[in-house]
Amino acid sequence: MEYTEKVLAHFANPRNVGEIADADGVGSIGSKECGDMIRVWIKVDKWRLADVRYKVFGCPAAIACCSMMTELAIGRRLDEACELTDAKVAEALGGLPAHK
């Protein structure tokens, strides 16, 4: 499987890149296997994600997934956002190659 058009669109024009200066939460994750490094900032208003920003060092799939994750997360209640999974992000992108 090759990258879908949606993956390529999010890779070429990633959404919501950056930091939130007065973030309510910040998290980081990285993978030793592939070298991807991700840092995410969130802003919460009335138990909803008012804004989500990120910085990522990684492959096209990692960049596209971060971009799509923000689109899926912004506006959701915190409990709803906790239900987002890698599989749901990949599905929203139209799928990813198995090794990604």
C-alpha atoms as a PDB file:
ATOM      1  CA  MET A   1       0.000   0.000   0.000  1.00  0.00           C
ATOM      2  CA  GLU A   2       1.237   3.447  -0.879  1.00  0.00           C
ATOM      3  CA  TYR A   3       0.331   6.646   0.937  1.00  0.00           C
ATOM      4  CA  THR A   4      -3.208   7.871   0.272  1.00  0.00           C
ATOM      5  CA  GLU A   5      -3.922  11.301  -1.197  1.00  0.00           C
ATOM      6  CA  LYS A   6      -5.143  12.426   2.229  1.00  0.00           C
ATOM      7  CA  VAL A   7      -1.859  11.333   3.881  1.00  0.00           C
ATOM      8  CA  LEU A   8       0.122  13.181   1.221  1.00  0.00           C
ATOM      9  CA  ALA A   9      -2.054  16.298   1.635  1.00  0.00           C
ATOM     10  CA  HIS A  10      -1.490  16.371   5.415  1.00  0.00           C
ATOM     11  CA  PHE A  11       2.233  15.720   4.918  1.00  0.00           C
ATOM     12  CA  ALA A  12       2.606  18.502   2.337  1.00  0.00           C
ATOM     13  CA  ASN A  13       0.407  20.983   4.246  1.00  0.00           C
ATOM     14  CA  PRO A  14       0.334  19.951   7.904  1.00  0.00           C
ATOM     15  CA  ARG A  15      -2.333  21.617  10.016  1.00  0.00           C
ATOM     16  CA  ASN A  16      -1.937  23.135  13.505  1.00  0.00           C
ATOM     17  CA  VAL A  17       1.870  23.004  13.694  1.00  0.00           C
ATOM     18  CA  GLY A  18       3.473  24.972  16.504  1.00  0.00           C
ATOM     19  CA  GLU A  19       3.402  25.530  20.232  1.00  0.00           C
ATOM     20  CA  ILE A  20       0.870  26.993  22.664  1.00  0.00           C
ATOM     21  CA  ALA A  21       2.651  29.464  24.961  1.00  0.00           C
ATOM     22  CA  ASP A  22       0.148  29.149  27.819  1.00  0.00           C
ATOM     23  CA  ALA A  23      -0.709  25.476  27.288  1.00  0.00           C
ATOM     24  CA  ASP A  24      -2.727  23.569  29.845  1.00  0.00           C
ATOM     25  CA  GLY A  25      -0.830  20.391  29.014  1.00  0.00           C
ATOM     26  CA  VAL A  26       2.282  19.277  27.155  1.00  0.00           C
ATOM     27  CA  GLY A  27       3.327  15.746  26.258  1.00  0.00           C
ATOM     28  CA  SER A  28       6.120  14.068  24.352  1.00  0.00           C
ATOM     29  CA  ILE A  29       6.596  10.665  22.796  1.00  0.00           C
ATOM     30  CA  GLY A  30       9.280   9.107  20.664  1.00  0.00           C
ATOM     31  CA  SER A  31      10.135   5.819  19.022  1.00  0.00           C
ATOM     32  CA  LYS A  32      13.624   4.357  19.153  1.00  0.00           C
ATOM     33  CA  GLU A  33      12.712   1.972  16.332  1.00  0.00           C
ATOM     34  CA  CYS A  34      11.959   4.591  13.695  1.00  0.00           C
ATOM     35  CA  GLY A  35      13.248   7.817  15.264  1.00  0.00           C
ATOM     36  CA  ASP A  36       9.977   9.775  15.277  1.00  0.00           C
ATOM     37  CA  MET A  37       9.775  12.431  18.011  1.00  0.00           C
ATOM     38  CA  ILE A  38       6.504  14.231  18.791  1.00  0.00           C
ATOM     39  CA  ARG A  39       5.628  16.997  21.251  1.00  0.00           C
ATOM     40  CA  VAL A  40       1.993  18.067  21.708  1.00  0.00           C
ATOM     41  CA  TRP A  41       0.495  21.135  23.440  1.00  0.00           C
ATOM     42  CA  ILE A  42      -3.177  21.410  24.432  1.00  0.00           C
ATOM     43  CA  LYS A  43      -5.404  24.286  25.523  1.00  0.00           C
ATOM     44  CA  VAL A  44      -8.571  23.344  27.406  1.00  0.00           C
ATOM     45  CA  ASP A  45     -11.708  25.462  27.779  1.00  0.00           C
ATOM     46  CA  LYS A  46     -14.749  24.137  29.637  1.00  0.00           C
ATOM     47  CA  TRP A  47     -13.506  20.525  29.425  1.00  0.00           C
ATOM     48  CA  ARG A  48     -13.017  20.773  25.634  1.00  0.00           C
ATOM     49  CA  LEU A  49      -9.828  20.900  23.608  1.00  0.00           C
ATOM     50  CA  ALA A  50      -9.908  24.479  22.408  1.00  0.00           C
ATOM     51  CA  ASP A  51      -6.567  24.110  20.618  1.00  0.00           C
ATOM     52  CA  VAL A  52      -4.035  21.383  19.922  1.00  0.00           C
ATOM     53  CA  ARG A  53      -0.598  22.074  18.435  1.00  0.00           C
ATOM     54  CA  TYR A  54       2.416  19.887  17.816  1.00  0.00           C
ATOM     55  CA  LYS A  55       5.954  19.675  16.555  1.00  0.00           C
ATOM     56  CA  VAL A  56       7.147  16.462  14.978  1.00  0.00           C
ATOM     57  CA  PHE A  57      10.390  15.070  13.651  1.00  0.00           C
ATOM     58  CA  GLY A  58       9.558  12.039  11.600  1.00  0.00           C
ATOM     59  CA  CYS A  59       8.492  10.364   8.408  1.00  0.00           C
ATOM     60  CA  PRO A  60       5.609  11.489   6.173  1.00  0.00           C
ATOM     61  CA  ALA A  61       3.214   9.159   8.023  1.00  0.00           C
ATOM     62  CA  ALA A  62       4.133  10.652  11.420  1.00  0.00           C
ATOM     63  CA  ILE A  63       3.646  14.193  10.132  1.00  0.00           C
ATOM     64  CA  ALA A  64       0.305  13.342   8.519  1.00  0.00           C
ATOM     65  CA  CYS A  65      -0.896  11.508  11.631  1.00  0.00           C
ATOM     66  CA  CYS A  66      -0.080  14.458  13.901  1.00  0.00           C
ATOM     67  CA  SER A  67      -1.877  16.817  11.543  1.00  0.00           C
ATOM     68  CA  MET A  68      -4.984  14.606  11.358  1.00  0.00           C
ATOM     69  CA  MET A  69      -4.925  13.979  15.118  1.00  0.00           C
ATOM     70  CA  THR A  70      -5.253  17.718  15.755  1.00  0.00           C
ATOM     71  CA  GLU A  71      -8.164  18.005  13.349  1.00  0.00           C
ATOM     72  CA  LEU A  72      -9.939  15.123  15.062  1.00  0.00           C
ATOM     73  CA  ALA A  73      -9.169  16.341  18.595  1.00  0.00           C
ATOM     74  CA  ILE A  74      -9.873  20.083  18.475  1.00  0.00           C
ATOM     75  CA  GLY A  75     -13.356  20.815  19.803  1.00  0.00           C
ATOM     76  CA  ARG A  76     -13.828  17.439  21.482  1.00  0.00           C
ATOM     77  CA  ARG A  77     -14.520  17.002  25.183  1.00  0.00           C
ATOM     78  CA  LEU A  78     -11.541  15.600  27.055  1.00  0.00           C
ATOM     79  CA  ASP A  79     -13.246  12.226  27.544  1.00  0.00           C
ATOM     80  CA  GLU A  80     -13.994  12.043  23.805  1.00  0.00           C
ATOM     81  CA  ALA A  81     -10.418  12.965  22.915  1.00  0.00           C
ATOM     82  CA  CYS A  82      -9.160  10.137  25.119  1.00  0.00           C
ATOM     83  CA  GLU A  83     -11.030   7.740  22.833  1.00  0.00           C
ATOM     84  CA  LEU A  84      -8.955   8.723  19.778  1.00  0.00           C
ATOM     85  CA  THR A  85      -6.659   5.865  18.827  1.00  0.00           C
ATOM     86  CA  ASP A  86      -3.891   5.307  16.309  1.00  0.00           C
ATOM     87  CA  ALA A  87      -6.343   3.181  14.324  1.00  0.00           C
ATOM     88  CA  LYS A  88      -8.953   5.981  14.222  1.00  0.00           C
ATOM     89  CA  VAL A  89      -6.367   8.496  13.032  1.00  0.00           C
ATOM     90  CA  ALA A  90      -5.116   6.072  10.362  1.00  0.00           C
ATOM     91  CA  GLU A  91      -8.706   5.402   9.261  1.00  0.00           C
ATOM     92  CA  ALA A  92      -9.377   9.145   8.945  1.00  0.00           C
ATOM     93  CA  LEU A  93      -6.319   9.351   6.676  1.00  0.00           C
ATOM     94  CA  GLY A  94      -7.674   6.578   4.460  1.00  0.00           C
ATOM     95  CA  GLY A  95      -5.213   4.028   5.826  1.00  0.00           C
ATOM     96  CA  LEU A  96      -1.453   3.679   6.174  1.00  0.00           C
ATOM     97  CA  PRO A  97       1.007   1.077   4.922  1.00  0.00           C
ATOM     98  CA  ALA A  98       1.182  -1.872   7.363  1.00  0.00           C
ATOM     99  CA  HIS A  99       4.754  -1.083   8.459  1.00  0.00           C
ATOM    100  CA  LYS A 100       3.683   2.422   9.556  1.00  0.00           C
END
